[in-house]
């Protein structure tokens, strides 16, 4: 994955690079270096895709729990 695709996935996940650094336990400087070399590790794409799925699940769960409450 190139840096452009990575940044698009970050935007879709509504994450900044610092926030991604925190949740992925990756040094911020390492993430900034990916842009310089225009190469992002293979694990980042499934990580972000799963993050998006979890966010969707959490939103659905909140809606269901609101409906179930009297």
Protein backbone atom coordinates (compact mmCIF):
# COMPACT_ATOMS: atom_id res chain seq x y z
CA UNK A 1 0.00 0.00 0.00
CA UNK A 2 1.28 3.45 -0.79
CA UNK A 3 1.00 6.48 1.47
CA UNK A 4 -1.88 7.98 -0.52
CA UNK A 5 -4.07 4.91 0.07
CA UNK A 6 -3.04 4.89 3.73
CA UNK A 7 -4.09 8.50 4.18
CA UNK A 8 -7.43 7.82 2.47
CA UNK A 9 -8.09 4.92 4.85
CA UNK A 10 -7.14 7.11 7.80
CA UNK A 11 -9.61 9.74 6.64
CA UNK A 12 -12.33 7.13 6.15
CA UNK A 13 -11.66 5.88 9.69
CA UNK A 14 -11.71 9.47 10.93
CA UNK A 15 -8.24 9.06 12.41
CA UNK A 16 -5.23 11.32 12.41
CA UNK A 17 -1.70 9.99 12.27
CA UNK A 18 -1.11 10.69 15.97
CA UNK A 19 -4.28 8.82 16.93
CA UNK A 20 -3.33 5.94 14.62
CA UNK A 21 0.10 5.92 16.26
CA UNK A 22 -1.51 5.50 19.67
CA UNK A 23 -4.01 2.77 18.78
CA UNK A 24 -1.49 0.78 16.72
CA UNK A 25 1.38 1.27 19.17
CA UNK A 26 3.56 2.54 16.33
CA UNK A 27 5.96 5.44 16.91
CA UNK A 28 4.64 8.61 15.29
CA UNK A 29 7.98 9.24 13.58
CA UNK A 30 7.77 5.82 11.96
CA UNK A 31 4.39 6.72 10.47
CA UNK A 32 5.79 10.01 9.20
CA UNK A 33 8.66 8.10 7.54
CA UNK A 34 6.14 6.03 5.56
CA UNK A 35 5.19 9.19 3.67
CA UNK A 36 8.81 9.99 2.91
CA UNK A 37 9.46 6.54 1.43
CA UNK A 38 5.88 6.23 0.04
CA UNK A 39 5.55 2.73 1.41
CA UNK A 40 3.30 1.53 4.21
CA UNK A 41 3.60 -1.89 5.91
CA UNK A 42 1.15 -4.54 4.75
CA UNK A 43 -0.46 -4.92 8.18
CA UNK A 44 -1.85 -1.38 8.18
CA UNK A 45 -4.60 -2.01 5.62
CA UNK A 46 -6.29 -4.91 7.47
CA UNK A 47 -5.74 -3.06 10.76
CA UNK A 48 -7.64 -0.01 9.49
CA UNK A 49 -10.33 -2.12 7.79
CA UNK A 50 -10.95 -3.96 11.05
CA UNK A 51 -10.98 -0.67 12.94
CA UNK A 52 -13.75 0.54 10.62
CA UNK A 53 -15.74 -2.67 11.15
CA UNK A 54 -15.45 -2.35 14.91
CA UNK A 55 -16.63 1.27 14.78
CA UNK A 56 -19.64 0.22 12.69
CA UNK A 57 -20.42 -2.61 15.10
CA UNK A 58 -20.23 -0.24 18.06
CA UNK A 59 -22.64 2.19 16.37
CA UNK A 60 -25.12 -0.60 15.62
CA UNK A 61 -24.81 -1.91 19.18
CA UNK A 62 -25.61 1.53 20.60
CA UNK A 63 -28.71 1.81 18.40
CA UNK A 64 -29.93 -1.65 19.39
CA UNK A 65 -29.44 -0.96 23.09
CA UNK A 66 -31.36 2.33 22.77
CA UNK A 67 -34.26 0.50 21.11
CA UNK A 68 -34.28 -2.23 23.79
CA UNK A 69 -34.46 0.23 26.70
CA UNK A 70 -38.02 1.01 27.79
